[in-house]
Amino acid sequence: MSKRVLLIHVSSLFAKDWIFSRNFQLHLITLYSFLRQNHIEVDVLDLELELGSSDAPENIQQFSQRFIQLLKNYSFDIVGISCYASTQYLSAVAVAKVCKTLNKNCKVAVGGYHATALPEDFVNQDGAFDFIVRGEGEHALLDICHGLYDDKSGFTRIIDGKPRDLSQGIFLDWENYKYIRPGMSHVGVAFSRGCPFRCSYCAESKLDFKYREYPVDIALKDIKRAVKIARPSILAFYDPLFRIDTPWGQELFQALVKENFQQPIWLMTRVDVLKESHIELLSHFNISVYLGIETGSEKMLTIMNKTKKPKEYLQKVEENLTYINERKICGNFGLLMNHPGETLETMDETFTFFERILAKQRDVSAIFENNSDFLYLPGTHIFENISFYEKEYGTVIKHKTWWKEHASHIHLAQDNIPSRGLTSKIRWQSRMDSLKSHYIENKMAEETRLFKFWFDSVYQSYESEQVTHA
């Protein structure tokens, strides 16, 4: 008898403002499509859309009760829970326990960044989890469906996922995936996996997956199909890092130029790998490019392991900032402040660097948004080597298991002191406000301002597209 699978993307109970709450859940439709291709009966629940998020501790019981009523509409033998981020840990545990309560014979598997980083967090949860999948989950989940790991021991089993071969592309079943409705704010696609960089603060860098990409001709067909079926306002490229600097990335965007592709695009890449020719290529599109600059301090670039050549990196930032502004590309230069090792001097170095180069710009289209304080995240180099940062820089992490606490997870994860000699986090927001008011807002071209306003309002409207499926 065929096993019935229910895939669940859980909510962030104490991180309502977590940016990924507003994202299209590409991993959910990817797993769904893969199982359907392999003739598995599968349904999905995106709890961010179905039930929303909350920052209030008293709402946990209400969340569980609402989830129980929702879950009664589904029949399942296997539950696949996506704990995409550590902010979803408490929700993942609560959801697993409800599933076991309603169907004690079901098998529950959990995967995602948190499960990969801390699989032990899901063991001994009153038997709620049968399988913990680390890494890429498609093949592991299919093996679970086929009963490959079934045994009578009753112990939770940790499974290392097998990286997926991308040479034939990844088919996404847009037609049958129930959260697709024509005219959505945005949908996401990705044509590569793995990140070749090893930044200290990023969980992606510790996955150690070999960088892979799939053929341009298939990617082009997938893009056209996604736009035709979903008709989104924005098409987001959710690659860990889109490599526009590679022959593959350039070939794909050159093909889109030939197709006269008009759909607004969002993507993330690195500023230091760009050349003027890459920026010229991007200028053909209605595009918003996220460039995680992180810092303007040579010392902090080294501590972050952002680059081995900090002087050259900053030279590329200045050079490419000018090219981006000249071509009026909507760029987002995000900064990461209060990273372990940050001092008042490194903060001043960062803002002085950007004030100097922005003062020379006649027009500005690259803005500074999504700037944030350092988040202490499981699965990062810092997390796995925190004793080094404590000894070397005097870093203080006040909530080392914040994802288990019943309070604002963003606040707790950022409640750190970056270096010795400080008594609290460095207050940098007023300096950022000054930079924006003196060097950006009065220089932004009107077409850039209007595009940014439209883009931001559309992209953030995803969480308002809340639906309920019976």
Protein backbone atom coordinates (compact mmCIF):
# COMPACT_ATOMS: atom_id res chain seq x y z
CA MET A 1 0.00 0.00 0.00
CA SER A 2 1.34 3.44 -0.95
CA LYS A 3 2.52 5.63 1.92
CA ARG A 4 0.82 9.01 2.26
CA VAL A 5 3.24 11.85 2.99
CA LEU A 6 2.51 15.26 4.48
CA LEU A 7 5.24 17.90 4.12
CA ILE A 8 5.08 20.76 6.63
CA HIS A 9 6.95 24.06 6.65
CA VAL A 10 6.58 25.25 10.23
CA SER A 11 6.15 28.79 11.56
CA SER A 12 8.64 30.95 13.43
CA LEU A 13 6.79 31.29 16.73
CA PHE A 14 9.09 33.89 18.29
CA ALA A 15 10.50 35.58 15.21
CA LYS A 16 7.63 37.22 13.40
CA ASP A 17 9.97 39.68 11.67
CA TRP A 18 12.41 36.97 10.52
CA ILE A 19 13.00 37.78 6.85
CA PHE A 20 12.51 34.19 5.65
CA SER A 21 8.93 34.27 6.94
CA ARG A 22 8.14 36.49 3.97
CA ASN A 23 9.73 34.18 1.42
CA PHE A 24 8.21 31.74 -1.00
CA GLN A 25 9.18 28.33 0.40
CA LEU A 26 11.15 26.87 -2.49
CA HIS A 27 12.34 23.87 -0.48
CA LEU A 28 8.73 22.81 0.14
CA ILE A 29 7.69 22.73 -3.52
CA THR A 30 11.02 21.09 -4.40
CA LEU A 31 10.44 18.16 -2.01
CA TYR A 32 6.79 17.96 -3.05
CA SER A 33 7.66 17.79 -6.76
CA PHE A 34 10.44 15.23 -6.21
CA LEU A 35 8.15 12.85 -4.32
CA ARG A 36 5.36 13.19 -6.89
CA GLN A 37 7.82 12.42 -9.68
CA ASN A 38 8.66 9.24 -7.80
CA HIS A 39 4.98 8.28 -7.50
CA ILE A 40 4.56 9.10 -3.82
CA GLU A 41 1.18 10.41 -2.61
CA VAL A 42 2.03 13.74 -1.01
CA ASP A 43 0.39 16.89 0.33
CA VAL A 44 1.85 20.08 1.82
CA LEU A 45 1.19 22.57 4.61
CA ASP A 46 2.92 25.95 4.78
CA LEU A 47 2.11 27.04 8.32
CA GLU A 48 3.51 30.53 7.76
CA LEU A 49 0.68 31.02 5.26
CA GLU A 50 -1.94 28.91 7.01
CA LEU A 51 -1.47 30.08 10.59
CA GLY A 52 1.01 32.95 10.45
CA SER A 53 3.74 33.78 12.98
CA SER A 54 3.71 35.15 16.49
CA ASP A 55 6.06 36.71 19.02
CA ALA A 56 3.79 36.20 22.01
CA PRO A 57 4.54 33.28 24.38
CA GLU A 58 0.87 32.99 25.31
CA ASN A 59 0.04 32.22 21.67
CA ILE A 60 1.88 28.89 21.58
CA GLN A 61 -1.08 27.00 23.02
CA GLN A 62 -3.39 28.74 20.58
CA PHE A 63 -1.02 27.87 17.72
CA SER A 64 -1.08 24.18 18.69
CA GLN A 65 -4.87 24.16 18.95
CA ARG A 66 -5.27 25.79 15.54
CA PHE A 67 -2.79 23.34 14.07
CA ILE A 68 -4.70 20.37 15.53
CA GLN A 69 -7.88 21.55 13.83
CA LEU A 70 -6.02 22.07 10.57
CA LEU A 71 -4.28 18.70 10.72
CA LYS A 72 -7.56 16.81 11.17
CA ASN A 73 -8.24 17.51 7.50
CA TYR A 74 -5.25 15.41 6.41
CA SER A 75 -4.46 11.72 6.31
CA PHE A 76 -0.79 10.74 6.53
CA ASP A 77 1.61 7.89 7.24
CA ILE A 78 4.81 9.95 7.04
CA VAL A 79 5.34 13.57 8.05
CA GLY A 80 8.29 15.55 6.70
CA ILE A 81 8.91 18.66 8.81
CA SER A 82 11.07 21.47 7.47
CA CYS A 83 12.86 23.23 10.32
CA TYR A 84 14.44 25.60 7.82
CA ALA A 85 15.90 27.94 10.46
CA SER A 86 16.62 27.74 14.18
CA THR A 87 13.79 30.24 14.74
CA GLN A 88 11.42 27.39 13.83
CA TYR A 89 12.77 24.87 16.33
CA LEU A 90 10.03 25.23 18.97
CA SER A 91 7.38 25.13 16.29
CA ALA A 92 8.91 21.99 14.75
CA VAL A 93 8.82 20.19 18.09
CA ALA A 94 5.23 21.28 18.77
CA VAL A 95 4.08 20.21 15.30
CA ALA A 96 5.78 16.80 15.56
CA LYS A 97 4.11 16.10 18.90
CA VAL A 98 0.69 17.01 17.52
CA CYS A 99 1.24 14.70 14.54
CA LYS A 100 2.12 11.82 16.86
CA THR A 101 -0.88 12.57 19.08
CA LEU A 102 -3.30 12.40 16.15
CA ASN A 103 -1.58 9.43 14.51
CA LYS A 104 0.67 7.50 16.88
CA ASN A 105 1.75 5.13 14.11
CA CYS A 106 3.00 7.81 11.74
CA LYS A 107 6.70 8.33 11.08
CA VAL A 108 8.05 11.86 11.52
CA ALA A 109 11.19 13.11 9.78
CA VAL A 110 12.74 16.55 10.27
CA GLY A 111 15.29 18.35 8.12
CA GLY A 112 16.62 21.83 7.42
CA TYR A 113 19.50 23.99 8.60
CA HIS A 114 18.83 23.43 12.31
CA ALA A 115 18.48 19.68 11.96
CA THR A 116 21.74 19.64 10.02
CA ALA A 117 23.57 21.72 12.61
CA LEU A 118 22.11 20.25 15.81
CA PRO A 119 20.45 16.89 15.16
CA GLU A 120 20.69 16.09 18.87
CA ASP A 121 18.08 18.79 19.57
CA PHE A 122 15.43 16.52 18.07
CA VAL A 123 16.36 13.38 19.98
CA ASN A 124 14.49 12.52 23.20
CA GLN A 125 11.51 14.71 22.38
CA ASP A 126 9.03 12.16 23.78
CA GLY A 127 9.54 10.03 20.69
CA ALA A 128 8.20 12.76 18.39
CA PHE A 129 10.91 12.31 15.74
CA ASP A 130 11.76 9.05 14.03
CA PHE A 131 14.27 10.43 11.53
CA ILE A 132 16.58 13.45 11.43
CA VAL A 133 17.91 14.32 7.98
CA ARG A 134 21.13 16.30 7.69
CA GLY A 135 21.88 18.09 4.43
CA GLU A 136 19.86 17.77 1.23
CA GLY A 137 16.68 15.88 1.88
CA GLU A 138 15.14 14.61 -1.37
CA HIS A 139 16.76 11.19 -1.59
CA ALA A 140 16.70 10.62 2.16
CA LEU A 141 12.96 11.34 2.32
CA LEU A 142 12.29 9.06 -0.64
CA ASP A 143 14.24 6.28 1.09
CA ILE A 144 12.13 6.80 4.21
CA CYS A 145 8.99 6.48 2.09
CA HIS A 146 10.31 3.21 0.68
CA GLY A 147 10.89 1.88 4.20
CA LEU A 148 14.65 1.71 3.86
CA TYR A 149 15.24 2.83 7.45
CA ASP A 150 12.34 1.07 9.13
CA ASP A 151 13.26 -0.95 12.20
CA LYS A 152 11.69 -1.93 15.50
CA SER A 153 14.27 -0.31 17.79
CA GLY A 154 12.21 2.79 18.49
CA PHE A 155 15.33 4.96 18.43
CA THR A 156 15.58 8.19 16.46
CA ARG A 157 17.79 7.69 13.41
CA ILE A 158 20.08 10.38 12.00
CA ILE A 159 20.43 10.21 8.20
CA ASP A 160 23.01 12.04 6.11
CA GLY A 161 21.31 13.29 2.96
CA LYS A 162 22.76 12.62 -0.46
CA PRO A 163 23.52 15.71 -2.63
CA ARG A 164 21.19 15.81 -5.60
CA ASP A 165 22.45 15.58 -9.17
CA LEU A 166 21.40 18.78 -10.95
CA SER A 167 22.51 17.77 -14.46
CA GLN A 168 18.92 17.06 -15.52
CA GLY A 169 17.47 20.09 -13.78
CA ILE A 170 14.81 20.12 -11.07
CA PHE A 171 11.18 19.87 -12.16
CA LEU A 172 8.82 21.96 -10.04
CA ASP A 173 5.18 20.91 -10.14
CA TRP A 174 3.69 24.40 -10.31
CA GLU A 175 0.39 23.08 -11.66
CA ASN A 176 -0.47 20.88 -8.67
CA TYR A 177 1.25 22.71 -5.81
CA LYS A 178 -1.67 24.21 -3.92
CA TYR A 179 0.00 27.45 -2.84
CA ILE A 180 0.43 28.68 -6.40
CA ARG A 181 -2.11 31.20 -7.58
CA PRO A 182 -1.62 33.38 -10.67
CA GLY A 183 -0.58 36.90 -9.77
CA MET A 184 1.38 36.11 -6.60
CA SER A 185 3.77 38.72 -5.23
CA HIS A 186 6.77 36.49 -5.92
CA VAL A 187 7.94 32.95 -6.40
CA GLY A 188 11.45 31.58 -6.13
CA VAL A 189 13.65 29.39 -8.29
CA ALA A 190 17.23 28.15 -7.91
CA PHE A 191 19.58 26.65 -10.44
CA SER A 192 22.62 25.94 -8.29
CA ARG A 193 23.43 24.49 -4.88
CA GLY A 194 26.36 24.89 -2.57
CA CYS A 195 28.41 27.99 -1.80
CA PRO A 196 32.14 28.10 -2.59
CA PHE A 197 32.77 30.72 0.11
CA ARG A 198 33.26 30.10 3.82
CA CYS A 199 32.08 33.20 5.68
CA SER A 200 32.26 32.72 9.46
CA TYR A 201 28.70 33.89 10.21
CA CYS A 202 26.84 31.88 7.55
CA ALA A 203 25.33 28.42 8.06
CA GLU A 204 25.54 27.72 4.32
CA SER A 205 29.33 27.78 4.51
CA LYS A 206 29.43 24.81 6.89
CA LEU A 207 27.30 22.52 4.74
CA ASP A 208 30.38 21.84 2.64
CA PHE A 209 28.38 20.83 -0.42
CA LYS A 210 30.15 20.85 -3.73
CA TYR A 211 28.99 23.79 -5.84
CA ARG A 212 26.70 22.54 -8.62
CA GLU A 213 24.60 24.17 -11.29
CA TYR A 214 22.27 22.81 -13.92
CA PRO A 215 22.21 23.36 -17.66
CA VAL A 216 21.33 26.81 -18.95
CA ASP A 217 18.83 25.52 -21.51
CA ILE A 218 16.85 23.73 -18.79
CA ALA A 219 17.08 26.74 -16.47
CA LEU A 220 15.71 28.98 -19.23
CA LYS A 221 12.75 26.64 -19.79
CA ASP A 222 12.09 26.50 -16.05
CA ILE A 223 12.07 30.30 -15.80
CA LYS A 224 9.60 30.64 -18.65
CA ARG A 225 7.37 27.96 -17.18
CA ALA A 226 7.37 29.49 -13.71
CA VAL A 227 6.42 32.91 -15.09
CA LYS A 228 3.75 31.49 -17.38
CA ILE A 229 2.01 29.44 -14.67
CA ALA A 230 2.49 31.55 -11.52
CA ARG A 231 2.57 34.98 -13.21
CA PRO A 232 4.42 36.45 -10.21
CA SER A 233 5.14 40.15 -9.84
CA ILE A 234 8.76 39.26 -8.98
CA LEU A 235 10.88 36.21 -9.83
CA ALA A 236 13.40 35.56 -7.06
CA PHE A 237 16.61 33.60 -7.62
CA TYR A 238 17.13 31.71 -4.35
CA ASP A 239 20.51 30.21 -5.20
CA PRO A 240 22.75 30.34 -2.09
CA LEU A 241 24.84 32.74 -4.17
CA PHE A 242 24.01 33.46 -7.80
CA ARG A 243 27.26 33.22 -9.76
CA ILE A 244 26.80 35.91 -12.40
CA ASP A 245 30.61 35.99 -12.50
CA THR A 246 30.82 32.48 -14.01
CA PRO A 247 30.41 31.55 -17.69
CA TRP A 248 27.24 29.67 -16.63
CA GLY A 249 25.68 32.71 -14.96
CA GLN A 250 26.55 35.01 -17.83
CA GLU A 251 25.21 32.55 -20.40
CA LEU A 252 21.89 32.33 -18.58
CA PHE A 253 21.44 36.11 -18.35
CA GLN A 254 22.59 36.62 -21.92
CA ALA A 255 19.90 34.13 -22.97
CA LEU A 256 17.33 36.13 -20.98
CA VAL A 257 18.46 39.30 -22.78
CA LYS A 258 17.84 37.58 -26.12
CA GLU A 259 14.39 36.57 -24.88
CA ASN A 260 13.71 40.22 -23.97
CA PHE A 261 12.83 39.04 -20.46
CA GLN A 262 10.85 41.77 -18.68
CA GLN A 263 9.92 40.12 -15.39
CA PRO A 264 11.34 41.95 -12.34
CA ILE A 265 14.10 39.86 -10.71
CA TRP A 266 15.68 39.58 -7.27
CA LEU A 267 19.00 37.82 -6.73
CA MET A 268 21.93 37.72 -4.32
CA THR A 269 25.60 37.71 -5.33
CA ARG A 270 28.97 39.01 -4.10
CA VAL A 271 30.24 42.43 -5.03
CA ASP A 272 33.90 41.39 -5.11
CA VAL A 273 33.40 38.84 -7.91
CA LEU A 274 31.71 41.33 -10.24
CA LYS A 275 33.25 43.04 -13.22
CA GLU A 276 31.91 45.99 -15.15
CA SER A 277 30.72 43.62 -17.89
CA HIS A 278 28.65 41.64 -15.36
CA ILE A 279 27.03 44.83 -14.07
CA GLU A 280 26.34 45.95 -17.62
CA LEU A 281 24.59 42.61 -18.23
CA LEU A 282 22.42 43.03 -15.14
CA SER A 283 21.46 46.55 -16.21
CA HIS A 284 19.30 45.08 -19.01
CA PHE A 285 16.77 43.89 -16.43
CA ASN A 286 14.30 45.26 -13.91
CA ILE A 287 16.36 43.90 -11.06
CA SER A 288 17.13 44.26 -7.38
CA VAL A 289 20.52 42.84 -6.41
CA TYR A 290 21.41 42.02 -2.82
CA LEU A 291 25.13 42.40 -2.10
CA GLY A 292 26.08 41.43 1.43
CA ILE A 293 29.00 43.81 1.83
CA GLU A 294 28.93 43.25 5.63
CA THR A 295 31.69 45.71 6.53
CA GLY A 296 34.08 48.38 5.29
CA SER A 297 36.81 47.40 7.75
CA GLU A 298 39.82 45.39 6.61
CA LYS A 299 40.14 43.89 10.08
CA MET A 300 36.51 42.74 10.14
CA LEU A 301 36.70 41.32 6.62
CA THR A 302 39.50 39.08 7.86
CA ILE A 303 37.70 38.07 11.04
CA MET A 304 34.55 37.28 9.05
CA ASN A 305 36.60 35.20 6.62
CA LYS A 306 34.88 37.20 3.92
CA THR A 307 38.07 37.43 1.88
CA LYS A 308 41.77 36.67 2.11
CA LYS A 309 42.58 39.99 0.43
CA PRO A 310 40.68 42.73 2.29
CA LYS A 311 42.35 45.67 0.50
CA GLU A 312 41.44 44.26 -2.90
CA TYR A 313 37.92 43.49 -1.67
CA LEU A 314 37.32 47.10 -0.64
CA GLN A 315 38.76 48.34 -3.91
CA LYS A 316 36.22 46.15 -5.74
CA VAL A 317 33.43 47.51 -3.54
CA GLU A 318 34.30 51.07 -4.47
CA GLU A 319 34.75 50.27 -8.14
CA ASN A 320 31.53 48.27 -8.48
CA LEU A 321 29.47 50.64 -6.37
CA THR A 322 30.29 53.30 -8.95
CA TYR A 323 29.33 51.03 -11.87
CA ILE A 324 26.04 50.05 -10.18
CA ASN A 325 25.14 53.67 -9.50
CA GLU A 326 26.03 54.78 -13.03
CA ARG A 327 23.69 52.15 -14.50
CA LYS A 328 20.95 52.87 -11.97
CA ILE A 329 20.72 49.25 -10.82
CA CYS A 330 18.77 48.87 -7.61
CA GLY A 331 21.45 47.44 -5.32
CA ASN A 332 21.22 46.63 -1.62
CA PHE A 333 24.53 46.86 0.25
CA GLY A 334 23.68 45.11 3.52
CA LEU A 335 26.00 45.59 6.52
CA LEU A 336 26.51 43.14 9.38
CA MET A 337 27.39 44.96 12.58
CA ASN A 338 28.51 43.71 16.01
CA HIS A 339 30.10 40.60 14.57
CA PRO A 340 32.55 39.03 17.06
CA GLY A 341 35.66 41.20 17.07
CA GLU A 342 33.81 44.41 16.16
CA THR A 343 35.03 47.52 17.97
CA LEU A 344 34.16 51.19 17.92
CA GLU A 345 37.19 51.67 15.67
CA THR A 346 36.09 49.06 13.12
CA MET A 347 32.57 50.48 13.06
CA ASP A 348 33.97 53.96 12.40
CA GLU A 349 36.23 52.52 9.73
CA THR A 350 33.21 50.99 7.98
CA PHE A 351 31.13 54.16 7.89
CA THR A 352 34.05 56.39 7.01
CA PHE A 353 34.80 54.12 4.06
CA PHE A 354 31.28 54.34 2.66
CA GLU A 355 30.87 58.03 3.39
CA ARG A 356 34.05 58.72 1.45
CA ILE A 357 33.07 56.80 -1.67
CA LEU A 358 29.40 57.85 -1.63
CA ALA A 359 30.42 61.51 -1.37
CA LYS A 360 32.01 61.15 -4.81
CA GLN A 361 28.91 59.63 -6.43
CA ARG A 362 26.73 61.96 -8.48
CA ASP A 363 23.73 59.59 -8.51
CA VAL A 364 23.04 56.74 -6.11
CA SER A 365 20.95 53.63 -6.73
CA ALA A 366 22.75 51.29 -4.31
CA ILE A 367 21.14 51.66 -0.92
CA PHE A 368 21.84 50.26 2.54
CA GLU A 369 18.95 48.15 3.78
CA ASN A 370 18.64 44.82 5.59
CA ASN A 371 21.50 46.01 7.78
CA SER A 372 21.48 44.07 11.01
CA ASP A 373 23.31 43.07 14.13
CA PHE A 374 25.17 39.78 14.16
CA LEU A 375 22.96 36.73 14.75
CA TYR A 376 24.43 33.83 16.70
CA LEU A 377 23.31 30.96 14.46
CA PRO A 378 23.78 27.20 14.87
CA GLY A 379 25.76 25.62 12.06
CA THR A 380 28.14 28.53 11.51
CA HIS A 381 31.90 28.57 12.05
CA ILE A 382 31.40 31.00 14.93
CA PHE A 383 28.87 28.72 16.61
CA GLU A 384 31.16 25.71 16.34
CA ASN A 385 34.21 27.66 17.52
CA ILE A 386 32.71 30.12 19.97
CA SER A 387 35.37 29.46 22.61
CA PHE A 388 37.99 30.86 20.20
CA TYR A 389 36.04 34.11 19.74
CA GLU A 390 35.47 34.40 23.49
CA LYS A 391 39.19 34.01 24.19
CA GLU A 392 40.54 35.95 21.22
CA TYR A 393 38.16 38.93 21.16
CA GLY A 394 36.30 38.79 24.46
CA THR A 395 33.00 38.09 22.70
CA VAL A 396 30.03 37.49 25.00
CA ILE A 397 27.08 35.43 23.75
CA LYS A 398 24.30 35.92 26.28
CA HIS A 399 21.86 33.28 25.01
CA LYS A 400 23.74 30.26 23.68
CA THR A 401 20.56 28.20 23.21
CA TRP A 402 18.18 31.05 22.34
CA TRP A 403 16.06 28.88 20.00
CA LYS A 404 14.76 26.99 23.05
CA GLU A 405 13.65 30.12 24.91
CA HIS A 406 10.12 31.58 24.92
CA ALA A 407 10.99 35.15 23.98
CA SER A 408 11.86 37.12 20.84
CA HIS A 409 14.38 34.93 19.05
CA ILE A 410 15.80 37.75 16.95
CA HIS A 411 16.44 39.82 20.07
CA LEU A 412 17.99 36.88 21.93
CA ALA A 413 20.20 35.82 19.00
CA GLN A 414 21.49 39.39 18.70
CA ASP A 415 21.97 39.94 22.44
CA ASN A 416 25.76 39.77 22.32
CA ILE A 417 28.81 41.88 23.14
CA PRO A 418 31.25 41.70 20.21
CA SER A 419 34.57 42.42 21.92
CA ARG A 420 36.27 43.09 25.23
CA GLY A 421 36.25 46.61 26.57
CA LEU A 422 32.58 47.04 25.65
CA THR A 423 29.66 46.70 28.03
CA SER A 424 26.98 46.30 25.35
CA LYS A 425 26.48 46.14 21.62
CA ILE A 426 27.78 49.04 19.56
CA ARG A 427 25.02 51.51 18.68
CA TRP A 428 25.47 52.10 14.99
CA GLN A 429 21.94 52.99 13.80
CA SER A 430 22.34 56.77 14.10
CA ARG A 431 25.51 56.63 12.02
CA MET A 432 23.62 54.65 9.38
CA ASP A 433 20.76 57.17 9.42
CA SER A 434 23.28 59.96 8.91
CA LEU A 435 24.90 58.13 5.99
CA LYS A 436 21.54 57.65 4.30
CA SER A 437 20.36 61.22 4.80
CA HIS A 438 23.63 62.86 3.70
CA TYR A 439 24.83 60.56 0.92
CA ILE A 440 21.91 58.53 -0.45
CA GLU A 441 18.41 59.97 -0.12
CA ASN A 442 19.18 63.28 -1.81
CA LYS A 443 21.10 61.57 -4.62
CA MET A 444 18.70 58.78 -5.55
CA ALA A 445 17.32 59.04 -9.09
CA GLU A 446 13.53 59.25 -9.21
CA GLU A 447 13.16 56.10 -11.36
CA THR A 448 15.27 54.17 -8.87
CA ARG A 449 13.24 55.49 -5.96
CA LEU A 450 9.96 54.50 -7.60
CA PHE A 451 11.21 51.04 -8.56
CA LYS A 452 12.50 50.43 -5.04
CA PHE A 453 9.19 51.54 -3.50
CA TRP A 454 7.23 49.23 -5.80
CA PHE A 455 9.64 46.33 -5.36
CA ASP A 456 9.69 46.50 -1.56
CA SER A 457 5.92 46.76 -1.24
CA VAL A 458 5.33 43.81 -3.56
CA TYR A 459 8.01 41.56 -2.09
CA GLN A 460 6.88 42.06 1.50
CA SER A 461 3.24 41.41 0.66
CA TYR A 462 3.80 37.64 0.53
CA GLU A 463 2.90 37.21 4.18
CA SER A 464 -0.46 38.92 3.52
CA GLU A 465 -1.31 36.22 0.97
CA GLN A 466 -2.49 34.04 3.83
CA VAL A 467 -4.77 31.18 2.84
CA THR A 468 -6.60 28.36 4.51
CA HIS A 469 -7.08 25.01 2.83
CA ALA A 470 -9.65 22.51 4.01
